[in-house]
Each structure stands twice: as C-alpha cells, then as structure tokens.
C-alpha cells in the first residue's frame, strides 16, 4: 500500500507547488510509482507538467465531489513513473459545494483510498490556505512536508499550520505526522535567512527538518514555463541536484 504525502503551507510564494512538481518527478526518476494530485485551483502543478488546463475532461474537482471514480481523473505525464490528477479554476467552487455534504472533510480521503494500492507514493499539492480543501488533504494524508522560505512571516505561518494539524490529529487523523520541513529558495548570503534557519533548528528535533535545502536557482524558476520539472529541464543544475537529493532523503525516511 502506498503512502500519501501532502505538500502544505498556507503561505503563498514559498515554493510549495514547485516542490510538489519536482519532488514527484525526482521520486519517479528514482523508480517510485508516483501520483501527483493537483489540489490547488491555480492548477500550477498541472501546467508545471506541461498539461493545458483548458481542455481537461476530469479534474480533482470531480474527484473531491465524487462526480467520477478517481481512476477516471488520472492522466499520464511525460515524466518517468509519474501520473497526475490535474486541477483548474473549477476546484475553487468545491469550497462552497462541499459545505452541503455531511462528510465534507473526508471526501479526498474516500477517493485516494481507492488509489493507494496502485502507487508507491501519492503527493498532494495543497492550495495556500487552511480552508476545507487543505483540511481534506491533511485528513487524507499519512504524512506532510512543509516547504518554508526563511523569512519572518514564515515562522508565524508555521505555528498556525501546526496548530491546525494538531486539531486534525485530535479529531480526524491521529496517524498524521510531519515528515519534515524543507527550506526553499534559500540564499545563504542573507543574514536573516541564516538566523531564521537557526531558530527553527533550535525549536524542532533534527528528524523533523530535511538536511537537503533547495537553493534559489534560475533553472528551477525557468522550468515551469517550459512545462517540465527541473530535473528534466536541466538535470545538471543545482536545483535539479537538490530535488534529487531531497527525493533520496524522502525515500530513506519512508524506509526507516
């Protein structure tokens, strides 16, 4: 049975979708059978794999609203071992429509249970919010990864996220656990970045922080406009090397 990992941070612009796209591609390149679920109405994980959002027949909206069998929403990507449940702007309507469903917070879990045996790892790219869709993702997940930029407001956001996770564990998913915090878009020349990184390392056990950091890297920024993960856009770049290293660390944590 596979493991479900949400990539979550309610703060935007921290490299969350970039990490979801590149972690899934790197895990696939390392031989894992991966499903990436785009669970953000912006659909950036979908376009990050070069898939047009305009002509999608079924999306994660249909999955979470139980309009289709989840298998019907899965499409292939051009990357080794990676499949995708795409998203577009329609997913934003789910926030309102789910309010009319009794088990509204468990809709994604009900869907992904049907796919869990088909994949080694299911990655869920969450939207930057702690609303009903993010709660669905956390309840459906075994573990979660927090991409984090080293800036002041990130610390506040992390505390808020962990408070929400505590409530989810208490009420709906007692087995949910933090796989790790990963520092993204890191520029070690900035004093503030280094100070915040030290603060977090002081306050969290080493096992909850990934050793791999994702640097600020031009190739990572360029890759989405070419519709491909950085490991396929420029596999020799520092960005590609970092995500491959991070994928190796994720696999090791899953095997421990």
C-alpha atoms as a PDB file:
ATOM      1  CA  UNK A   1       0.000   0.000   0.000  1.00  0.00           C
ATOM      2  CA  UNK A   2       1.290   3.447  -0.899  1.00  0.00           C
ATOM      3  CA  UNK A   3       1.855   6.457   1.323  1.00  0.00           C
ATOM      4  CA  UNK A   4       0.041   9.771   0.903  1.00  0.00           C
ATOM      5  CA  UNK A   5       2.100  12.920   1.490  1.00  0.00           C
ATOM      6  CA  UNK A   6       0.655  16.436   1.406  1.00  0.00           C
ATOM      7  CA  UNK A   7       2.884  19.373   0.497  1.00  0.00           C
ATOM      8  CA  UNK A   8       1.346  22.100   2.614  1.00  0.00           C
ATOM      9  CA  UNK A   9       1.897  25.679   3.686  1.00  0.00           C
ATOM     10  CA  UNK A  10      -0.895  28.231   3.871  1.00  0.00           C
ATOM     11  CA  UNK A  11       1.565  30.981   2.969  1.00  0.00           C
ATOM     12  CA  UNK A  12       1.902  31.548  -0.770  1.00  0.00           C
ATOM     13  CA  UNK A  13       5.169  32.013  -2.614  1.00  0.00           C
ATOM     14  CA  UNK A  14       7.238  29.566  -0.550  1.00  0.00           C
ATOM     15  CA  UNK A  15       7.965  27.061  -3.323  1.00  0.00           C
ATOM     16  CA  UNK A  16       5.151  24.674  -2.423  1.00  0.00           C
ATOM     17  CA  UNK A  17       3.940  23.784  -5.917  1.00  0.00           C
ATOM     18  CA  UNK A  18       7.492  23.912  -7.262  1.00  0.00           C
ATOM     19  CA  UNK A  19       8.421  21.370  -4.595  1.00  0.00           C
ATOM     20  CA  UNK A  20       5.381  19.174  -5.303  1.00  0.00           C
ATOM     21  CA  UNK A  21       6.209  19.054  -9.026  1.00  0.00           C
ATOM     22  CA  UNK A  22       9.916  18.432  -8.555  1.00  0.00           C
ATOM     23  CA  UNK A  23       9.662  16.003  -5.643  1.00  0.00           C
ATOM     24  CA  UNK A  24       7.180  13.871  -7.603  1.00  0.00           C
ATOM     25  CA  UNK A  25       9.402  13.915 -10.705  1.00  0.00           C
ATOM     26  CA  UNK A  26      12.526  13.075  -8.701  1.00  0.00           C
ATOM     27  CA  UNK A  27      10.795  10.206  -6.871  1.00  0.00           C
ATOM     28  CA  UNK A  28       9.629   8.866 -10.244  1.00  0.00           C
ATOM     29  CA  UNK A  29      13.167   9.125 -11.630  1.00  0.00           C
ATOM     30  CA  UNK A  30      14.352   7.086  -8.640  1.00  0.00           C
ATOM     31  CA  UNK A  31      11.978   4.276  -9.574  1.00  0.00           C
ATOM     32  CA  UNK A  32       8.949   5.016  -7.395  1.00  0.00           C
ATOM     33  CA  UNK A  33       5.482   4.883  -8.958  1.00  0.00           C
ATOM     34  CA  UNK A  34       4.057   8.303  -8.158  1.00  0.00           C
ATOM     35  CA  UNK A  35       0.693  10.044  -8.424  1.00  0.00           C
ATOM     36  CA  UNK A  36       0.642  13.828  -8.072  1.00  0.00           C
ATOM     37  CA  UNK A  37      -2.747  15.275  -7.084  1.00  0.00           C
ATOM     38  CA  UNK A  38      -3.079  18.942  -8.031  1.00  0.00           C
ATOM     39  CA  UNK A  39      -5.337  20.241  -5.263  1.00  0.00           C
ATOM     40  CA  UNK A  40      -4.886  23.952  -5.907  1.00  0.00           C
ATOM     41  CA  UNK A  41      -7.395  25.878  -8.076  1.00  0.00           C
ATOM     42  CA  UNK A  42      -4.486  27.749  -9.657  1.00  0.00           C
ATOM     43  CA  UNK A  43      -3.545  24.468 -11.338  1.00  0.00           C
ATOM     44  CA  UNK A  44       0.159  25.316 -11.388  1.00  0.00           C
ATOM     45  CA  UNK A  45       1.235  21.728 -10.737  1.00  0.00           C
ATOM     46  CA  UNK A  46      -0.774  20.741 -13.821  1.00  0.00           C
ATOM     47  CA  UNK A  47       0.873  23.335 -16.072  1.00  0.00           C
ATOM     48  CA  UNK A  48       4.223  22.524 -14.421  1.00  0.00           C
ATOM     49  CA  UNK A  49       3.981  19.156 -16.177  1.00  0.00           C
ATOM     50  CA  UNK A  50       3.141  20.821 -19.488  1.00  0.00           C
ATOM     51  CA  UNK A  51      -0.558  19.927 -19.382  1.00  0.00           C
ATOM     52  CA  UNK A  52      -3.073  22.522 -20.580  1.00  0.00           C
ATOM     53  CA  UNK A  53      -5.773  23.410 -18.054  1.00  0.00           C
ATOM     54  CA  UNK A  54      -8.242  24.433 -20.789  1.00  0.00           C
ATOM     55  CA  UNK A  55      -9.384  21.092 -22.175  1.00  0.00           C
ATOM     56  CA  UNK A  56      -9.406  18.857 -19.107  1.00  0.00           C
ATOM     57  CA  UNK A  57     -12.301  16.394 -19.058  1.00  0.00           C
ATOM     58  CA  UNK A  58     -11.978  15.450 -15.381  1.00  0.00           C
ATOM     59  CA  UNK A  59     -10.078  17.136 -12.574  1.00  0.00           C
ATOM     60  CA  UNK A  60      -9.519  16.973  -8.838  1.00  0.00           C
ATOM     61  CA  UNK A  61     -12.804  18.909  -8.504  1.00  0.00           C
ATOM     62  CA  UNK A  62     -14.680  15.907  -9.927  1.00  0.00           C
ATOM     63  CA  UNK A  63     -12.728  13.607  -7.620  1.00  0.00           C
ATOM     64  CA  UNK A  64     -13.415  15.508  -4.403  1.00  0.00           C
ATOM     65  CA  UNK A  65     -17.091  15.999  -5.352  1.00  0.00           C
ATOM     66  CA  UNK A  66     -17.440  12.250  -6.127  1.00  0.00           C
ATOM     67  CA  UNK A  67     -18.560  13.017  -9.697  1.00  0.00           C
ATOM     68  CA  UNK A  68     -16.233  10.333 -11.116  1.00  0.00           C
ATOM     69  CA  UNK A  69     -14.275   7.330  -9.964  1.00  0.00           C
ATOM     70  CA  UNK A  70     -10.839   8.703  -9.015  1.00  0.00           C
ATOM     71  CA  UNK A  71      -9.164   6.397 -11.554  1.00  0.00           C
ATOM     72  CA  UNK A  72     -11.006   8.258 -14.333  1.00  0.00           C
ATOM     73  CA  UNK A  73      -9.272  11.532 -13.448  1.00  0.00           C
ATOM     74  CA  UNK A  74      -5.708  10.159 -13.624  1.00  0.00           C
ATOM     75  CA  UNK A  75      -3.677  11.171 -16.684  1.00  0.00           C
ATOM     76  CA  UNK A  76      -0.158  10.264 -17.781  1.00  0.00           C
ATOM     77  CA  UNK A  77       2.732  12.729 -17.799  1.00  0.00           C
ATOM     78  CA  UNK A  78       5.865  12.728 -19.959  1.00  0.00           C
ATOM     79  CA  UNK A  79       7.996  12.052 -16.894  1.00  0.00           C
ATOM     80  CA  UNK A  80       9.085   8.590 -15.821  1.00  0.00           C
ATOM     81  CA  UNK A  81       6.698   6.837 -13.378  1.00  0.00           C
ATOM     82  CA  UNK A  82       4.600   9.973 -12.694  1.00  0.00           C
ATOM     83  CA  UNK A  83       0.824  10.253 -13.199  1.00  0.00           C
ATOM     84  CA  UNK A  84      -1.322  13.273 -12.406  1.00  0.00           C
ATOM     85  CA  UNK A  85      -4.807  14.203 -11.282  1.00  0.00           C
ATOM     86  CA  UNK A  86      -4.973  17.725 -12.748  1.00  0.00           C
ATOM     87  CA  UNK A  87      -6.756  20.841 -11.486  1.00  0.00           C
ATOM     88  CA  UNK A  88      -8.148  24.055 -12.859  1.00  0.00           C
ATOM     89  CA  UNK A  89     -10.090  27.049 -11.527  1.00  0.00           C
ATOM     90  CA  UNK A  90     -13.245  24.946 -11.079  1.00  0.00           C
ATOM     91  CA  UNK A  91     -11.722  23.486  -7.923  1.00  0.00           C
ATOM     92  CA  UNK A  92     -12.361  26.829  -6.177  1.00  0.00           C
ATOM     93  CA  UNK A  93     -16.100  26.036  -6.367  1.00  0.00           C
ATOM     94  CA  UNK A  94     -15.564  22.933  -4.246  1.00  0.00           C
ATOM     95  CA  UNK A  95     -15.080  25.046  -1.103  1.00  0.00           C
ATOM     96  CA  UNK A  96     -18.720  26.142  -1.359  1.00  0.00           C
ATOM     97  CA  UNK A  97     -20.233  22.907  -2.697  1.00  0.00           C
ATOM     98  CA  UNK A  98     -18.586  20.754  -0.038  1.00  0.00           C
ATOM     99  CA  UNK A  99     -20.459  22.655   2.673  1.00  0.00           C
ATOM    100  CA  UNK A 100     -23.599  20.799   1.592  1.00  0.00           C
ATOM    101  CA  UNK A 101     -22.005  17.361   2.149  1.00  0.00           C
ATOM    102  CA  UNK A 102     -22.144  15.746   5.574  1.00  0.00           C
ATOM    103  CA  UNK A 103     -18.677  14.143   5.490  1.00  0.00           C
ATOM    104  CA  UNK A 104     -17.226  17.178   3.700  1.00  0.00           C
ATOM    105  CA  UNK A 105     -13.749  16.940   5.239  1.00  0.00           C
ATOM    106  CA  UNK A 106     -13.304  13.274   4.291  1.00  0.00           C
ATOM    107  CA  UNK A 107     -14.087  13.474   0.564  1.00  0.00           C
ATOM    108  CA  UNK A 108     -10.485  13.365  -0.656  1.00  0.00           C
ATOM    109  CA  UNK A 109      -9.609  10.537   1.737  1.00  0.00           C
ATOM    110  CA  UNK A 110     -12.504   8.424   0.377  1.00  0.00           C
ATOM    111  CA  UNK A 111     -11.192   8.968  -3.152  1.00  0.00           C
ATOM    112  CA  UNK A 112      -7.484   8.395  -2.524  1.00  0.00           C
ATOM    113  CA  UNK A 113      -8.078   5.177  -0.568  1.00  0.00           C
ATOM    114  CA  UNK A 114      -9.234   3.741  -3.898  1.00  0.00           C
ATOM    115  CA  UNK A 115      -5.867   4.640  -5.498  1.00  0.00           C
ATOM    116  CA  UNK A 116      -3.476   3.903  -2.641  1.00  0.00           C
ATOM    117  CA  UNK A 117      -2.649   0.355  -3.733  1.00  0.00           C
ATOM    118  CA  UNK A 118      -1.771   1.493  -7.267  1.00  0.00           C
ATOM    119  CA  UNK A 119       1.126   3.781  -6.311  1.00  0.00           C
ATOM    120  CA  UNK A 120       4.177   3.799  -4.071  1.00  0.00           C
ATOM    121  CA  UNK A 121       3.689   7.466  -3.206  1.00  0.00           C
ATOM    122  CA  UNK A 122       0.791   9.899  -3.699  1.00  0.00           C
ATOM    123  CA  UNK A 123       1.775  13.579  -3.442  1.00  0.00           C
ATOM    124  CA  UNK A 124      -0.970  16.161  -2.824  1.00  0.00           C
ATOM    125  CA  UNK A 125      -0.160  19.755  -3.772  1.00  0.00           C
ATOM    126  CA  UNK A 126      -2.318  21.881  -1.467  1.00  0.00           C
ATOM    127  CA  UNK A 127      -3.506  25.428  -2.058  1.00  0.00           C
ATOM    128  CA  UNK A 128      -2.102  28.249   0.109  1.00  0.00           C
ATOM    129  CA  UNK A 129      -4.918  28.202   2.662  1.00  0.00           C
ATOM    130  CA  UNK A 130      -6.080  26.294   5.717  1.00  0.00           C
ATOM    131  CA  UNK A 131      -9.666  26.007   4.483  1.00  0.00           C
ATOM    132  CA  UNK A 132     -11.809  22.982   3.708  1.00  0.00           C
ATOM    133  CA  UNK A 133      -9.622  21.734   0.820  1.00  0.00           C
ATOM    134  CA  UNK A 134      -6.439  21.802   2.894  1.00  0.00           C
ATOM    135  CA  UNK A 135      -8.248  20.016   5.748  1.00  0.00           C
ATOM    136  CA  UNK A 136      -9.379  17.359   3.237  1.00  0.00           C
ATOM    137  CA  UNK A 137      -5.755  16.877   2.182  1.00  0.00           C
ATOM    138  CA  UNK A 138      -4.463  16.579   5.752  1.00  0.00           C
ATOM    139  CA  UNK A 139      -7.161  14.071   6.696  1.00  0.00           C
ATOM    140  CA  UNK A 140      -6.336  12.011   3.595  1.00  0.00           C
ATOM    141  CA  UNK A 141      -2.581  12.034   4.267  1.00  0.00           C
ATOM    142  CA  UNK A 142      -0.220   9.821   6.203  1.00  0.00           C
ATOM    143  CA  UNK A 143       2.486  12.492   6.306  1.00  0.00           C
ATOM    144  CA  UNK A 144       3.034  16.097   5.328  1.00  0.00           C
ATOM    145  CA  UNK A 145       6.001  18.148   4.146  1.00  0.00           C
ATOM    146  CA  UNK A 146       6.273  21.893   4.803  1.00  0.00           C
ATOM    147  CA  UNK A 147       8.271  23.895   2.241  1.00  0.00           C
ATOM    148  CA  UNK A 148       9.443  27.023   4.021  1.00  0.00           C
ATOM    149  CA  UNK A 149      11.165  30.192   2.973  1.00  0.00           C
ATOM    150  CA  UNK A 150      13.482  31.667   5.580  1.00  0.00           C
ATOM    151  CA  UNK A 151      11.712  34.933   6.330  1.00  0.00           C
ATOM    152  CA  UNK A 152       9.995  36.345   9.400  1.00  0.00           C
ATOM    153  CA  UNK A 153       6.350  35.752   8.426  1.00  0.00           C
ATOM    154  CA  UNK A 154       7.109  32.110   7.639  1.00  0.00           C
ATOM    155  CA  UNK A 155       7.589  31.411  11.359  1.00  0.00           C
ATOM    156  CA  UNK A 156       4.126  32.755  12.163  1.00  0.00           C
ATOM    157  CA  UNK A 157       2.611  30.692   9.353  1.00  0.00           C
ATOM    158  CA  UNK A 158       4.355  27.542  10.561  1.00  0.00           C
ATOM    159  CA  UNK A 159       2.899  27.940  14.061  1.00  0.00           C
ATOM    160  CA  UNK A 160      -0.589  28.389  12.585  1.00  0.00           C
ATOM    161  CA  UNK A 161      -0.193  25.331  10.356  1.00  0.00           C
ATOM    162  CA  UNK A 162       0.996  23.120  13.215  1.00  0.00           C
ATOM    163  CA  UNK A 163      -1.954  24.274  15.329  1.00  0.00           C
ATOM    164  CA  UNK A 164      -4.325  23.178  12.538  1.00  0.00           C
ATOM    165  CA  UNK A 165      -2.508  19.847  12.219  1.00  0.00           C
ATOM    166  CA  UNK A 166      -2.923  19.280  15.966  1.00  0.00           C
ATOM    167  CA  UNK A 167      -6.704  19.730  15.621  1.00  0.00           C
ATOM    168  CA  UNK A 168      -6.827  17.369  12.615  1.00  0.00           C
ATOM    169  CA  UNK A 169      -4.875  14.733  14.559  1.00  0.00           C
ATOM    170  CA  UNK A 170      -7.156  15.075  17.561  1.00  0.00           C
ATOM    171  CA  UNK A 171     -10.427  14.864  15.616  1.00  0.00           C
ATOM    172  CA  UNK A 172      -9.898  13.040  12.322  1.00  0.00           C
ATOM    173  CA  UNK A 173      -6.471  11.571  11.574  1.00  0.00           C
ATOM    174  CA  UNK A 174      -4.438  10.560  14.618  1.00  0.00           C
ATOM    175  CA  UNK A 175      -1.723   8.961  12.453  1.00  0.00           C
ATOM    176  CA  UNK A 176      -0.841  12.147  10.539  1.00  0.00           C
ATOM    177  CA  UNK A 177       2.822  13.038  11.064  1.00  0.00           C
ATOM    178  CA  UNK A 178       5.296  15.687   9.954  1.00  0.00           C
ATOM    179  CA  UNK A 179       7.766  14.142   7.531  1.00  0.00           C
ATOM    180  CA  UNK A 180       9.859  17.284   7.518  1.00  0.00           C
ATOM    181  CA  UNK A 181      10.348  20.983   6.942  1.00  0.00           C
ATOM    182  CA  UNK A 182      12.331  21.773   3.795  1.00  0.00           C
ATOM    183  CA  UNK A 183      13.967  25.174   3.373  1.00  0.00           C
ATOM    184  CA  UNK A 184      13.292  26.543  -0.113  1.00  0.00           C
ATOM    185  CA  UNK A 185      14.600  29.444  -2.224  1.00  0.00           C
ATOM    186  CA  UNK A 186      17.475  29.672   0.228  1.00  0.00           C
ATOM    187  CA  UNK A 187      20.144  32.316  -0.241  1.00  0.00           C
ATOM    188  CA  UNK A 188      22.792  31.616   2.382  1.00  0.00           C
ATOM    189  CA  UNK A 189      24.341  35.039   1.795  1.00  0.00           C
ATOM    190  CA  UNK A 190      21.368  36.655   3.572  1.00  0.00           C
ATOM    191  CA  UNK A 191      21.881  37.064   7.314  1.00  0.00           C
ATOM    192  CA  UNK A 192      18.134  36.886   8.061  1.00  0.00           C
ATOM    193  CA  UNK A 193      17.777  33.565   6.228  1.00  0.00           C
ATOM    194  CA  UNK A 194      20.546  32.009   8.289  1.00  0.00           C
ATOM    195  CA  UNK A 195      19.114  33.371  11.554  1.00  0.00           C
ATOM    196  CA  UNK A 196      15.616  32.016  10.872  1.00  0.00           C
ATOM    197  CA  UNK A 197      17.023  28.658   9.827  1.00  0.00           C
ATOM    198  CA  UNK A 198      18.964  28.500  13.104  1.00  0.00           C
ATOM    199  CA  UNK A 199      15.809  29.446  15.069  1.00  0.00           C
ATOM    200  CA  UNK A 200      13.805  26.630  13.511  1.00  0.00           C
ATOM    201  CA  UNK A 201      16.594  24.123  14.053  1.00  0.00           C
ATOM    202  CA  UNK A 202      16.684  25.120  17.728  1.00  0.00           C
ATOM    203  CA  UNK A 203      12.936  24.596  18.120  1.00  0.00           C
ATOM    204  CA  UNK A 204      12.445  21.366  16.161  1.00  0.00           C
ATOM    205  CA  UNK A 205      14.130  17.983  16.507  1.00  0.00           C
ATOM    206  CA  UNK A 206      16.669  17.226  13.757  1.00  0.00           C
ATOM    207  CA  UNK A 207      14.468  14.388  12.461  1.00  0.00           C
ATOM    208  CA  UNK A 208      11.741  16.891  11.509  1.00  0.00           C
ATOM    209  CA  UNK A 209      13.975  19.035   9.275  1.00  0.00           C
ATOM    210  CA  UNK A 210      15.317  17.794   5.953  1.00  0.00           C
ATOM    211  CA  UNK A 211      19.088  18.010   5.568  1.00  0.00           C
ATOM    212  CA  UNK A 212      18.629  18.968   1.921  1.00  0.00           C
ATOM    213  CA  UNK A 213      17.917  22.635   1.254  1.00  0.00           C
ATOM    214  CA  UNK A 214      16.584  23.977  -2.041  1.00  0.00           C
ATOM    215  CA  UNK A 215      18.647  26.947  -3.216  1.00  0.00           C
ATOM    216  CA  UNK A 216      17.385  29.990  -5.051  1.00  0.00           C
ATOM    217  CA  UNK A 217      18.119  28.788  -8.583  1.00  0.00           C
ATOM    218  CA  UNK A 218      17.390  30.241 -12.023  1.00  0.00           C
ATOM    219  CA  UNK A 219      16.762  26.827 -13.588  1.00  0.00           C
ATOM    220  CA  UNK A 220      14.061  25.998 -11.011  1.00  0.00           C
ATOM    221  CA  UNK A 221      12.330  29.284 -11.886  1.00  0.00           C
ATOM    222  CA  UNK A 222      12.595  28.720 -15.636  1.00  0.00           C
ATOM    223  CA  UNK A 223      11.410  25.097 -15.751  1.00  0.00           C
ATOM    224  CA  UNK A 224       7.617  25.706 -15.256  1.00  0.00           C
ATOM    225  CA  UNK A 225       7.426  27.981 -18.308  1.00  0.00           C
ATOM    226  CA  UNK A 226       8.762  25.039 -20.336  1.00  0.00           C
ATOM    227  CA  UNK A 227       6.182  22.680 -18.803  1.00  0.00           C
ATOM    228  CA  UNK A 228       8.672  20.343 -17.184  1.00  0.00           C
ATOM    229  CA  UNK A 229      10.236  19.641 -13.781  1.00  0.00           C
ATOM    230  CA  UNK A 230      13.760  20.980 -13.321  1.00  0.00           C
ATOM    231  CA  UNK A 231      15.346  17.508 -13.355  1.00  0.00           C
ATOM    232  CA  UNK A 232      14.185  17.164 -16.976  1.00  0.00           C
ATOM    233  CA  UNK A 233      14.763  20.806 -17.927  1.00  0.00           C
ATOM    234  CA  UNK A 234      18.379  20.890 -16.727  1.00  0.00           C
ATOM    235  CA  UNK A 235      19.434  17.802 -14.818  1.00  0.00           C
ATOM    236  CA  UNK A 236      22.915  19.181 -14.103  1.00  0.00           C
ATOM    237  CA  UNK A 237      21.625  22.347 -12.402  1.00  0.00           C
ATOM    238  CA  UNK A 238      21.939  22.882  -8.659  1.00  0.00           C
ATOM    239  CA  UNK A 239      18.145  22.945  -8.431  1.00  0.00           C
ATOM    240  CA  UNK A 240      17.812  19.525 -10.078  1.00  0.00           C
ATOM    241  CA  UNK A 241      20.574  18.058  -7.922  1.00  0.00           C
ATOM    242  CA  UNK A 242      18.887  19.389  -4.764  1.00  0.00           C
ATOM    243  CA  UNK A 243      15.491  17.898  -5.600  1.00  0.00           C
ATOM    244  CA  UNK A 244      17.059  14.528  -6.466  1.00  0.00           C
ATOM    245  CA  UNK A 245      18.866  14.605  -3.130  1.00  0.00           C
ATOM    246  CA  UNK A 246      15.623  15.546  -1.327  1.00  0.00           C
ATOM    247  CA  UNK A 247      13.792  12.651  -3.021  1.00  0.00           C
ATOM    248  CA  UNK A 248      16.505  10.299  -1.772  1.00  0.00           C
ATOM    249  CA  UNK A 249      16.022  11.639   1.740  1.00  0.00           C
ATOM    250  CA  UNK A 250      12.231  11.130   1.496  1.00  0.00           C
ATOM    251  CA  UNK A 251      12.705   7.520   0.378  1.00  0.00           C
ATOM    252  CA  UNK A 252      15.129   6.913   3.266  1.00  0.00           C
ATOM    253  CA  UNK A 253      12.609   8.339   5.789  1.00  0.00           C
ATOM    254  CA  UNK A 254       9.881   6.081   4.366  1.00  0.00           C
ATOM    255  CA  UNK A 255      12.132   3.029   4.670  1.00  0.00           C
ATOM    256  CA  UNK A 256      13.318   3.753   8.229  1.00  0.00           C
END
